Amino acid sequence: MTEERNKIRLLLYGSMIVAILLGIYAQDIAYFSNRNLAIPLMVGISIPTILSVFLFLGPPMLVSKFSKQKAMSPKEFNIYLGLNVLLGLVVSAFSLVVLVAWCG
């Protein structure tokens, strides 16, 4: 049971960290992919931004499923959900503002 909880925690917090990094560094990723892979800049910034938002929205659905299976305690569920909502709103708002600014 402990090994399962650790895997769940790694999935949830790992996806949150990846979402934060994608949201904050989307512009740098766009420039890098344009320079090295010849991907258009708008595509290069849109993909990390959209992935970031989905990585913030997807894991809470998994958490609710895991909490019903008693793989997570209600206290841990509330801490993760609060942290995810707070960070998700800030980082997603920032990355969406940058995306809108790129659109002109």
PDB file of N, CA and C in Angstrom:
ATOM      1  N   MET A   1       0.823  -1.189   0.000  1.00  0.00           N
ATOM      2  CA  MET A   1       0.000   0.000   0.000  1.00  0.00           C
ATOM      3  C   MET A   1       0.872   1.260   0.000  1.00  0.00           C
ATOM      4  N   THR A   2       1.975   1.242   0.720  1.00  0.00           N
ATOM      5  CA  THR A   2       2.855   2.408   0.790  1.00  0.00           C
ATOM      6  C   THR A   2       3.510   2.668  -0.557  1.00  0.00           C
ATOM      7  N   GLU A   3       3.898   1.608  -1.250  1.00  0.00           N
ATOM      8  CA  GLU A   3       4.515   1.774  -2.568  1.00  0.00           C
ATOM      9  C   GLU A   3       3.519   2.392  -3.553  1.00  0.00           C
ATOM     10  N   GLU A   4       2.257   1.989  -3.454  1.00  0.00           N
ATOM     11  CA  GLU A   4       1.219   2.555  -4.324  1.00  0.00           C
ATOM     12  C   GLU A   4       1.021   4.038  -4.031  1.00  0.00           C
ATOM     13  N   ARG A   5       1.017   4.410  -2.762  1.00  0.00           N
ATOM     14  CA  ARG A   5       0.874   5.827  -2.395  1.00  0.00           C
ATOM     15  C   ARG A   5       2.046   6.652  -2.924  1.00  0.00           C
ATOM     16  N   ASN A   6       3.248   6.106  -2.849  1.00  0.00           N
ATOM     17  CA  ASN A   6       4.416   6.829  -3.353  1.00  0.00           C
ATOM     18  C   ASN A   6       4.341   7.021  -4.859  1.00  0.00           C
ATOM     19  N   LYS A   7       3.860   6.029  -5.588  1.00  0.00           N
ATOM     20  CA  LYS A   7       3.691   6.158  -7.033  1.00  0.00           C
ATOM     21  C   LYS A   7       2.658   7.229  -7.363  1.00  0.00           C
ATOM     22  N   ILE A   8       1.577   7.254  -6.605  1.00  0.00           N
ATOM     23  CA  ILE A   8       0.535   8.254  -6.826  1.00  0.00           C
ATOM     24  C   ILE A   8       1.084   9.654  -6.545  1.00  0.00           C
ATOM     25  N   ARG A   9       1.801   9.794  -5.448  1.00  0.00           N
ATOM     26  CA  ARG A   9       2.397  11.094  -5.122  1.00  0.00           C
ATOM     27  C   ARG A   9       3.378  11.540  -6.199  1.00  0.00           C
ATOM     28  N   LEU A  10       4.192  10.624  -6.685  1.00  0.00           N
ATOM     29  CA  LEU A  10       5.153  10.954  -7.738  1.00  0.00           C
ATOM     30  C   LEU A  10       4.426  11.404  -9.001  1.00  0.00           C
ATOM     31  N   LEU A  11       3.375  10.719  -9.368  1.00  0.00           N
ATOM     32  CA  LEU A  11       2.585  11.100 -10.541  1.00  0.00           C
ATOM     33  C   LEU A  11       1.969  12.485 -10.373  1.00  0.00           C
ATOM     34  N   LEU A  12       1.354  12.719  -9.237  1.00  0.00           N
ATOM     35  CA  LEU A  12       0.641  13.978  -9.026  1.00  0.00           C
ATOM     36  C   LEU A  12       1.587  15.172  -8.909  1.00  0.00           C
ATOM     37  N   TYR A  13       2.568  15.057  -8.042  1.00  0.00           N
ATOM     38  CA  TYR A  13       3.475  16.189  -7.850  1.00  0.00           C
ATOM     39  C   TYR A  13       4.434  16.347  -9.029  1.00  0.00           C
ATOM     40  N   GLY A  14       4.786  15.244  -9.674  1.00  0.00           N
ATOM     41  CA  GLY A  14       5.626  15.326 -10.866  1.00  0.00           C
ATOM     42  C   GLY A  14       4.914  16.036 -12.004  1.00  0.00           C
ATOM     43  N   SER A  15       3.638  15.713 -12.206  1.00  0.00           N
ATOM     44  CA  SER A  15       2.884  16.392 -13.263  1.00  0.00           C
ATOM     45  C   SER A  15       2.688  17.868 -12.930  1.00  0.00           C
ATOM     46  N   MET A  16       2.565  18.200 -11.646  1.00  0.00           N
ATOM     47  CA  MET A  16       2.433  19.601 -11.259  1.00  0.00           C
ATOM     48  C   MET A  16       3.732  20.356 -11.556  1.00  0.00           C
ATOM     49  N   ILE A  17       4.859  19.754 -11.265  1.00  0.00           N
ATOM     50  CA  ILE A  17       6.144  20.412 -11.525  1.00  0.00           C
ATOM     51  C   ILE A  17       6.361  20.593 -13.032  1.00  0.00           C
ATOM     52  N   VAL A  18       6.025  19.567 -13.814  1.00  0.00           N
ATOM     53  CA  VAL A  18       6.160  19.680 -15.269  1.00  0.00           C
ATOM     54  C   VAL A  18       5.225  20.765 -15.807  1.00  0.00           C
ATOM     55  N   ALA A  19       4.010  20.838 -15.280  1.00  0.00           N
ATOM     56  CA  ALA A  19       3.066  21.865 -15.721  1.00  0.00           C
ATOM     57  C   ALA A  19       3.578  23.264 -15.394  1.00  0.00           C
ATOM     58  N   ILE A  20       4.176  23.431 -14.220  1.00  0.00           N
ATOM     59  CA  ILE A  20       4.739  24.726 -13.838  1.00  0.00           C
ATOM     60  C   ILE A  20       5.873  25.109 -14.785  1.00  0.00           C
ATOM     61  N   LEU A  21       6.762  24.169 -15.043  1.00  0.00           N
ATOM     62  CA  LEU A  21       7.896  24.453 -15.928  1.00  0.00           C
ATOM     63  C   LEU A  21       7.435  24.765 -17.349  1.00  0.00           C
ATOM     64  N   LEU A  22       6.472  24.006 -17.858  1.00  0.00           N
ATOM     65  CA  LEU A  22       5.958  24.285 -19.198  1.00  0.00           C
ATOM     66  C   LEU A  22       5.269  25.638 -19.270  1.00  0.00           C
ATOM     67  N   GLY A  23       4.518  25.989 -18.236  1.00  0.00           N
ATOM     68  CA  GLY A  23       3.810  27.263 -18.233  1.00  0.00           C
ATOM     69  C   GLY A  23       4.739  28.454 -18.151  1.00  0.00           C
ATOM     70  N   ILE A  24       5.764  28.349 -17.335  1.00  0.00           N
ATOM     71  CA  ILE A  24       6.673  29.477 -17.142  1.00  0.00           C
ATOM     72  C   ILE A  24       7.639  29.619 -18.311  1.00  0.00           C
ATOM     73  N   TYR A  25       8.130  28.510 -18.821  1.00  0.00           N
ATOM     74  CA  TYR A  25       9.159  28.554 -19.861  1.00  0.00           C
ATOM     75  C   TYR A  25       8.616  28.296 -21.266  1.00  0.00           C
ATOM     76  N   ALA A  26       7.327  28.498 -21.497  1.00  0.00           N
ATOM     77  CA  ALA A  26       6.739  28.251 -22.819  1.00  0.00           C
ATOM     78  C   ALA A  26       7.379  29.127 -23.886  1.00  0.00           C
ATOM     79  N   GLN A  27       7.668  30.360 -23.560  1.00  0.00           N
ATOM     80  CA  GLN A  27       8.270  31.267 -24.531  1.00  0.00           C
ATOM     81  C   GLN A  27       9.684  30.803 -24.896  1.00  0.00           C
ATOM     82  N   ASP A  28      10.452  30.402 -23.927  1.00  0.00           N
ATOM     83  CA  ASP A  28      11.796  29.898 -24.200  1.00  0.00           C
ATOM     84  C   ASP A  28      11.753  28.605 -25.008  1.00  0.00           C
ATOM     85  N   ILE A  29      10.779  27.748 -24.704  1.00  0.00           N
ATOM     86  CA  ILE A  29      10.609  26.505 -25.456  1.00  0.00           C
ATOM     87  C   ILE A  29      10.256  26.818 -26.907  1.00  0.00           C
ATOM     88  N   ALA A  30       9.426  27.839 -27.123  1.00  0.00           N
ATOM     89  CA  ALA A  30       9.045  28.222 -28.483  1.00  0.00           C
ATOM     90  C   ALA A  30      10.247  28.705 -29.272  1.00  0.00           C
ATOM     91  N   TYR A  31      11.066  29.548 -28.663  1.00  0.00           N
ATOM     92  CA  TYR A  31      12.264  30.033 -29.354  1.00  0.00           C
ATOM     93  C   TYR A  31      13.244  28.892 -29.639  1.00  0.00           C
ATOM     94  N   PHE A  32      13.424  28.006 -28.671  1.00  0.00           N
ATOM     95  CA  PHE A  32      14.333  26.874 -28.848  1.00  0.00           C
ATOM     96  C   PHE A  32      13.861  25.959 -29.974  1.00  0.00           C
ATOM     97  N   SER A  33      12.575  25.626 -29.974  1.00  0.00           N
ATOM     98  CA  SER A  33      12.050  24.725 -31.007  1.00  0.00           C
ATOM     99  C   SER A  33      12.058  25.389 -32.379  1.00  0.00           C
ATOM    100  N   ASN A  34      11.892  26.698 -32.421  1.00  0.00           N
ATOM    101  CA  ASN A  34      11.963  27.409 -33.698  1.00  0.00           C
ATOM    102  C   ASN A  34      13.383  27.399 -34.237  1.00  0.00           C
ATOM    103  N   ARG A  35      14.333  27.660 -33.378  1.00  0.00           N
ATOM    104  CA  ARG A  35      15.730  27.726 -33.793  1.00  0.00           C
ATOM    105  C   ARG A  35      16.277  26.364 -34.203  1.00  0.00           C
ATOM    106  N   ASN A  36      15.968  25.337 -33.441  1.00  0.00           N
ATOM    107  CA  ASN A  36      16.576  24.030 -33.663  1.00  0.00           C
ATOM    108  C   ASN A  36      15.729  23.061 -34.488  1.00  0.00           C
ATOM    109  N   LEU A  37      14.422  23.205 -34.443  1.00  0.00           N
ATOM    110  CA  LEU A  37      13.545  22.257 -35.131  1.00  0.00           C
ATOM    111  C   LEU A  37      12.693  22.900 -36.219  1.00  0.00           C
ATOM    112  N   ALA A  38      12.826  24.209 -36.406  1.00  0.00           N
ATOM    113  CA  ALA A  38      12.068  24.966 -37.409  1.00  0.00           C
ATOM    114  C   ALA A  38      10.559  24.860 -37.203  1.00  0.00           C
ATOM    115  N   ILE A  39      10.137  24.790 -35.954  1.00  0.00           N
ATOM    116  CA  ILE A  39       8.711  24.798 -35.624  1.00  0.00           C
ATOM    117  C   ILE A  39       8.269  26.256 -35.553  1.00  0.00           C
ATOM    118  N   PRO A  40       7.137  26.610 -36.175  1.00  0.00           N
ATOM    119  CA  PRO A  40       6.669  28.003 -36.109  1.00  0.00           C
ATOM    120  C   PRO A  40       6.482  28.464 -34.665  1.00  0.00           C
ATOM    121  N   LEU A  41       6.738  29.753 -34.435  1.00  0.00           N
ATOM    122  CA  LEU A  41       6.710  30.276 -33.065  1.00  0.00           C
ATOM    123  C   LEU A  41       5.341  30.130 -32.401  1.00  0.00           C
ATOM    124  N   MET A  42       4.262  30.386 -33.145  1.00  0.00           N
ATOM    125  CA  MET A  42       2.931  30.273 -32.532  1.00  0.00           C
ATOM    126  C   MET A  42       2.613  28.841 -32.130  1.00  0.00           C
ATOM    127  N   VAL A  43       3.028  27.893 -32.920  1.00  0.00           N
ATOM    128  CA  VAL A  43       2.839  26.481 -32.562  1.00  0.00           C
ATOM    129  C   VAL A  43       3.727  26.142 -31.376  1.00  0.00           C
ATOM    130  N   GLY A  44       4.942  26.669 -31.396  1.00  0.00           N
ATOM    131  CA  GLY A  44       5.897  26.400 -30.329  1.00  0.00           C
ATOM    132  C   GLY A  44       5.479  26.939 -28.978  1.00  0.00           C
ATOM    133  N   ILE A  45       4.724  28.028 -28.955  1.00  0.00           N
ATOM    134  CA  ILE A  45       4.254  28.546 -27.664  1.00  0.00           C
ATOM    135  C   ILE A  45       2.891  27.981 -27.293  1.00  0.00           C
ATOM    136  N   SER A  46       2.080  27.634 -28.277  1.00  0.00           N
ATOM    137  CA  SER A  46       0.741  27.108 -27.994  1.00  0.00           C
ATOM    138  C   SER A  46       0.789  25.724 -27.362  1.00  0.00           C
ATOM    139  N   ILE A  47       1.656  24.870 -27.869  1.00  0.00           N
ATOM    140  CA  ILE A  47       1.705  23.488 -27.366  1.00  0.00           C
ATOM    141  C   ILE A  47       2.109  23.417 -25.887  1.00  0.00           C
ATOM    142  N   PRO A  48       3.202  24.080 -25.448  1.00  0.00           N
ATOM    143  CA  PRO A  48       3.526  24.013 -24.014  1.00  0.00           C
ATOM    144  C   PRO A  48       2.463  24.664 -23.126  1.00  0.00           C
ATOM    145  N   THR A  49       1.828  25.731 -23.618  1.00  0.00           N
ATOM    146  CA  THR A  49       0.788  26.393 -22.828  1.00  0.00           C
ATOM    147  C   THR A  49      -0.412  25.476 -22.637  1.00  0.00           C
ATOM    148  N   ILE A  50      -0.857  24.853 -23.706  1.00  0.00           N
ATOM    149  CA  ILE A  50      -2.011  23.951 -23.618  1.00  0.00           C
ATOM    150  C   ILE A  50      -1.674  22.723 -22.770  1.00  0.00           C
ATOM    151  N   LEU A  51      -0.477  22.170 -22.953  1.00  0.00           N
ATOM    152  CA  LEU A  51      -0.058  21.033 -22.121  1.00  0.00           C
ATOM    153  C   LEU A  51      -0.009  21.405 -20.642  1.00  0.00           C
ATOM    154  N   SER A  52       0.456  22.609 -20.360  1.00  0.00           N
ATOM    155  CA  SER A  52       0.532  23.068 -18.975  1.00  0.00           C
ATOM    156  C   SER A  52      -0.855  23.125 -18.343  1.00  0.00           C
ATOM    157  N   VAL A  53      -1.802  23.695 -19.063  1.00  0.00           N
ATOM    158  CA  VAL A  53      -3.171  23.795 -18.532  1.00  0.00           C
ATOM    159  C   VAL A  53      -3.754  22.397 -18.323  1.00  0.00           C
ATOM    160  N   PHE A  54      -3.570  21.497 -19.283  1.00  0.00           N
ATOM    161  CA  PHE A  54      -4.105  20.143 -19.138  1.00  0.00           C
ATOM    162  C   PHE A  54      -3.429  19.374 -17.999  1.00  0.00           C
ATOM    163  N   LEU A  55      -2.144  19.615 -17.779  1.00  0.00           N
ATOM    164  CA  LEU A  55      -1.465  18.939 -16.669  1.00  0.00           C
ATOM    165  C   LEU A  55      -1.929  19.470 -15.316  1.00  0.00           C
ATOM    166  N   PHE A  56      -2.448  20.684 -15.286  1.00  0.00           N
ATOM    167  CA  PHE A  56      -3.041  21.177 -14.046  1.00  0.00           C
ATOM    168  C   PHE A  56      -4.460  20.658 -13.861  1.00  0.00           C
ATOM    169  N   LEU A  57      -5.191  20.428 -14.954  1.00  0.00           N
ATOM    170  CA  LEU A  57      -6.581  19.994 -14.845  1.00  0.00           C
ATOM    171  C   LEU A  57      -6.747  18.478 -14.716  1.00  0.00           C
ATOM    172  N   GLY A  58      -5.870  17.707 -15.361  1.00  0.00           N
ATOM    173  CA  GLY A  58      -6.014  16.251 -15.387  1.00  0.00           C
ATOM    174  C   GLY A  58      -5.782  15.546 -14.064  1.00  0.00           C
ATOM    175  N   PRO A  59      -4.661  15.808 -13.398  1.00  0.00           N
ATOM    176  CA  PRO A  59      -4.386  15.079 -12.154  1.00  0.00           C
ATOM    177  C   PRO A  59      -5.420  15.241 -11.038  1.00  0.00           C
ATOM    178  N   PRO A  60      -6.088  16.402 -10.870  1.00  0.00           N
ATOM    179  CA  PRO A  60      -7.127  16.431  -9.830  1.00  0.00           C
ATOM    180  C   PRO A  60      -8.248  15.417 -10.069  1.00  0.00           C
ATOM    181  N   MET A  61      -8.530  15.133 -11.341  1.00  0.00           N
ATOM    182  CA  MET A  61      -9.526  14.098 -11.626  1.00  0.00           C
ATOM    183  C   MET A  61      -9.013  12.731 -11.185  1.00  0.00           C
ATOM    184  N   LEU A  62      -7.726  12.493 -11.405  1.00  0.00           N
ATOM    185  CA  LEU A  62      -7.132  11.238 -10.942  1.00  0.00           C
ATOM    186  C   LEU A  62      -7.102  11.168  -9.421  1.00  0.00           C
ATOM    187  N   VAL A  63      -6.865  12.303  -8.786  1.00  0.00           N
ATOM    188  CA  VAL A  63      -6.816  12.336  -7.323  1.00  0.00           C
ATOM    189  C   VAL A  63      -8.166  11.970  -6.743  1.00  0.00           C
ATOM    190  N   SER A  64      -9.228  12.502  -7.334  1.00  0.00           N
ATOM    191  CA  SER A  64     -10.547  12.173  -6.805  1.00  0.00           C
ATOM    192  C   SER A  64     -10.831  10.682  -6.964  1.00  0.00           C
ATOM    193  N   LYS A  65     -10.358  10.084  -8.055  1.00  0.00           N
ATOM    194  CA  LYS A  65     -10.516   8.644  -8.242  1.00  0.00           C
ATOM    195  C   LYS A  65      -9.707   7.871  -7.197  1.00  0.00           C
ATOM    196  N   PHE A  66      -8.462   8.321  -6.954  1.00  0.00           N
ATOM    197  CA  PHE A  66      -7.613   7.647  -5.986  1.00  0.00           C
ATOM    198  C   PHE A  66      -8.140   7.832  -4.563  1.00  0.00           C
ATOM    199  N   SER A  67      -8.710   8.979  -4.269  1.00  0.00           N
ATOM    200  CA  SER A  67      -9.211   9.194  -2.910  1.00  0.00           C
ATOM    201  C   SER A  67     -10.433   8.323  -2.643  1.00  0.00           C
ATOM    202  N   LYS A  68     -11.202   8.015  -3.687  1.00  0.00           N
ATOM    203  CA  LYS A  68     -12.335   7.116  -3.509  1.00  0.00           C
ATOM    204  C   LYS A  68     -11.864   5.694  -3.247  1.00  0.00           C
ATOM    205  N   GLN A  69     -10.684   5.347  -3.774  1.00  0.00           N
ATOM    206  CA  GLN A  69     -10.128   4.010  -3.557  1.00  0.00           C
ATOM    207  C   GLN A  69      -9.333   3.938  -2.253  1.00  0.00           C
ATOM    208  N   LYS A  70      -9.347   4.993  -1.483  1.00  0.00           N
ATOM    209  CA  LYS A  70      -8.646   5.084  -0.200  1.00  0.00           C
ATOM    210  C   LYS A  70      -7.128   5.000  -0.360  1.00  0.00           C
ATOM    211  N   ALA A  71      -6.622   5.389  -1.534  1.00  0.00           N
ATOM    212  CA  ALA A  71      -5.177   5.401  -1.745  1.00  0.00           C
ATOM    213  C   ALA A  71      -4.566   6.684  -1.186  1.00  0.00           C
ATOM    214  N   MET A  72      -5.406   7.691  -0.954  1.00  0.00           N
ATOM    215  CA  MET A  72      -4.943   8.956  -0.372  1.00  0.00           C
ATOM    216  C   MET A  72      -5.871   9.325   0.777  1.00  0.00           C
ATOM    217  N   SER A  73      -5.295   9.915   1.802  1.00  0.00           N
ATOM    218  CA  SER A  73      -6.120  10.358   2.916  1.00  0.00           C
ATOM    219  C   SER A  73      -6.824  11.654   2.527  1.00  0.00           C
ATOM    220  N   PRO A  74      -7.950  11.964   3.160  1.00  0.00           N
ATOM    221  CA  PRO A  74      -8.661  13.209   2.839  1.00  0.00           C
ATOM    222  C   PRO A  74      -7.807  14.458   3.092  1.00  0.00           C
ATOM    223  N   LYS A  75      -6.965  14.427   4.125  1.00  0.00           N
ATOM    224  CA  LYS A  75      -6.112  15.575   4.419  1.00  0.00           C
ATOM    225  C   LYS A  75      -5.098  15.786   3.293  1.00  0.00           C
ATOM    226  N   GLU A  76      -4.483  14.695   2.845  1.00  0.00           N
ATOM    227  CA  GLU A  76      -3.515  14.789   1.746  1.00  0.00           C
ATOM    228  C   GLU A  76      -4.206  15.235   0.457  1.00  0.00           C
ATOM    229  N   PHE A  77      -5.414  14.760   0.225  1.00  0.00           N
ATOM    230  CA  PHE A  77      -6.196  15.163  -0.941  1.00  0.00           C
ATOM    231  C   PHE A  77      -6.458  16.665  -0.915  1.00  0.00           C
ATOM    232  N   ASN A  78      -6.852  17.193   0.228  1.00  0.00           N
ATOM    233  CA  ASN A  78      -7.139  18.627   0.350  1.00  0.00           C
ATOM    234  C   ASN A  78      -5.881  19.479   0.167  1.00  0.00           C
ATOM    235  N   ILE A  79      -4.761  19.020   0.700  1.00  0.00           N
ATOM    236  CA  ILE A  79      -3.503  19.756   0.534  1.00  0.00           C
ATOM    237  C   ILE A  79      -3.111  19.792  -0.937  1.00  0.00           C
ATOM    238  N   TYR A  80      -3.152  18.648  -1.600  1.00  0.00           N
ATOM    239  CA  TYR A  80      -2.778  18.607  -3.011  1.00  0.00           C
ATOM    240  C   TYR A  80      -3.718  19.463  -3.847  1.00  0.00           C
ATOM    241  N   LEU A  81      -5.000  19.332  -3.611  1.00  0.00           N
ATOM    242  CA  LEU A  81      -5.974  20.078  -4.408  1.00  0.00           C
ATOM    243  C   LEU A  81      -5.820  21.579  -4.213  1.00  0.00           C
ATOM    244  N   GLY A  82      -5.613  22.022  -2.980  1.00  0.00           N
ATOM    245  CA  GLY A  82      -5.405  23.442  -2.719  1.00  0.00           C
ATOM    246  C   GLY A  82      -4.146  23.969  -3.382  1.00  0.00           C
ATOM    247  N   LEU A  83      -3.071  23.198  -3.276  1.00  0.00           N
ATOM    248  CA  LEU A  83      -1.810  23.582  -3.903  1.00  0.00           C
ATOM    249  C   LEU A  83      -1.943  23.617  -5.423  1.00  0.00           C
ATOM    250  N   ASN A  84      -2.606  22.638  -5.988  1.00  0.00           N
ATOM    251  CA  ASN A  84      -2.795  22.569  -7.428  1.00  0.00           C
ATOM    252  C   ASN A  84      -3.655  23.726  -7.933  1.00  0.00           C
ATOM    253  N   VAL A  85      -4.717  24.053  -7.228  1.00  0.00           N
ATOM    254  CA  VAL A  85      -5.577  25.161  -7.645  1.00  0.00           C
ATOM    255  C   VAL A  85      -4.832  26.482  -7.563  1.00  0.00           C
ATOM    256  N   LEU A  86      -4.134  26.715  -6.481  1.00  0.00           N
ATOM    257  CA  LEU A  86      -3.402  27.973  -6.310  1.00  0.00           C
ATOM    258  C   LEU A  86      -2.322  28.134  -7.378  1.00  0.00           C
ATOM    259  N   LEU A  87      -1.461  27.154  -7.505  1.00  0.00           N
ATOM    260  CA  LEU A  87      -0.386  27.231  -8.496  1.00  0.00           C
ATOM    261  C   LEU A  87      -0.929  27.177  -9.919  1.00  0.00           C
ATOM    262  N   GLY A  88      -1.949  26.374 -10.129  1.00  0.00           N
ATOM    263  CA  GLY A  88      -2.536  26.252 -11.467  1.00  0.00           C
ATOM    264  C   GLY A  88      -3.133  27.551 -11.952  1.00  0.00           C
ATOM    265  N   LEU A  89      -3.824  28.260 -11.074  1.00  0.00           N
ATOM    266  CA  LEU A  89      -4.410  29.544 -11.480  1.00  0.00           C
ATOM    267  C   LEU A  89      -3.334  30.565 -11.818  1.00  0.00           C
ATOM    268  N   VAL A  90      -2.322  30.660 -10.993  1.00  0.00           N
ATOM    269  CA  VAL A  90      -1.269  31.660 -11.216  1.00  0.00           C
ATOM    270  C   VAL A  90      -0.477  31.349 -12.481  1.00  0.00           C
ATOM    271  N   VAL A  91       0.012  30.126 -12.608  1.00  0.00           N
ATOM    272  CA  VAL A  91       0.855  29.767 -13.745  1.00  0.00           C
ATOM    273  C   VAL A  91       0.043  29.748 -15.043  1.00  0.00           C
ATOM    274  N   SER A  92      -1.163  29.217 -15.019  1.00  0.00           N
ATOM    275  CA  SER A  92      -1.985  29.184 -16.224  1.00  0.00           C
ATOM    276  C   SER A  92      -2.384  30.590 -16.661  1.00  0.00           C
ATOM    277  N   ALA A  93      -2.704  31.452 -15.710  1.00  0.00           N
ATOM    278  CA  ALA A  93      -3.031  32.827 -16.071  1.00  0.00           C
ATOM    279  C   ALA A  93      -1.830  33.511 -16.712  1.00  0.00           C
ATOM    280  N   PHE A  94      -0.651  33.316 -16.139  1.00  0.00           N
ATOM    281  CA  PHE A  94       0.559  33.910 -16.708  1.00  0.00           C
ATOM    282  C   PHE A  94       0.810  33.393 -18.122  1.00  0.00           C
ATOM    283  N   SER A  95       0.760  32.077 -18.303  1.00  0.00           N
ATOM    284  CA  SER A  95       1.070  31.518 -19.619  1.00  0.00           C
ATOM    285  C   SER A  95       0.010  31.895 -20.653  1.00  0.00           C
ATOM    286  N   LEU A  96      -1.258  32.007 -20.243  1.00  0.00           N
ATOM    287  CA  LEU A  96      -2.295  32.414 -21.182  1.00  0.00           C
ATOM    288  C   LEU A  96      -2.163  33.887 -21.554  1.00  0.00           C
ATOM    289  N   VAL A  97      -1.727  34.724 -20.606  1.00  0.00           N
ATOM    290  CA  VAL A  97      -1.473  36.145 -20.924  1.00  0.00           C
ATOM    291  C   VAL A  97      -0.337  36.256 -21.929  1.00  0.00           C
ATOM    292  N   VAL A  98       0.719  35.481 -21.743  1.00  0.00           N
ATOM    293  CA  VAL A  98       1.833  35.487 -22.691  1.00  0.00           C
ATOM    294  C   VAL A  98       1.367  35.006 -24.057  1.00  0.00           C
ATOM    295  N   LEU A  99       0.550  33.968 -24.113  1.00  0.00           N
ATOM    296  CA  LEU A  99       0.030  33.461 -25.385  1.00  0.00           C
ATOM    297  C   LEU A  99      -0.826  34.512 -26.081  1.00  0.00           C
ATOM    298  N   VAL A 100      -1.688  35.177 -25.336  1.00  0.00           N
ATOM    299  CA  VAL A 100      -2.533  36.223 -25.917  1.00  0.00           C
ATOM    300  C   VAL A 100      -1.680  37.390 -26.413  1.00  0.00           C
ATOM    301  N   ALA A 101      -0.643  37.745 -25.669  1.00  0.00           N
ATOM    302  CA  ALA A 101       0.254  38.816 -26.100  1.00  0.00           C
ATOM    303  C   ALA A 101       0.974  38.438 -27.393  1.00  0.00           C
ATOM    304  N   TRP A 102       1.295  37.182 -27.551  1.00  0.00           N
ATOM    305  CA  TRP A 102       1.939  36.737 -28.790  1.00  0.00           C
ATOM    306  C   TRP A 102       0.988  36.807 -29.972  1.00  0.00           C
ATOM    307  N   CYS A 103      -0.298  36.623 -29.697  1.00  0.00           N
ATOM    308  CA  CYS A 103      -1.288  36.662 -30.792  1.00  0.00           C
ATOM    309  C   CYS A 103      -1.467  38.077 -31.340  1.00  0.00           C
ATOM    310  N   GLY A 104      -1.067  39.054 -30.569  1.00  0.00           N
ATOM    311  CA  GLY A 104      -1.118  40.421 -31.074  1.00  0.00           C
ATOM    312  C   GLY A 104      -2.121  41.185 -30.361  1.00  0.00           C
TER     313      GLY A 104
END
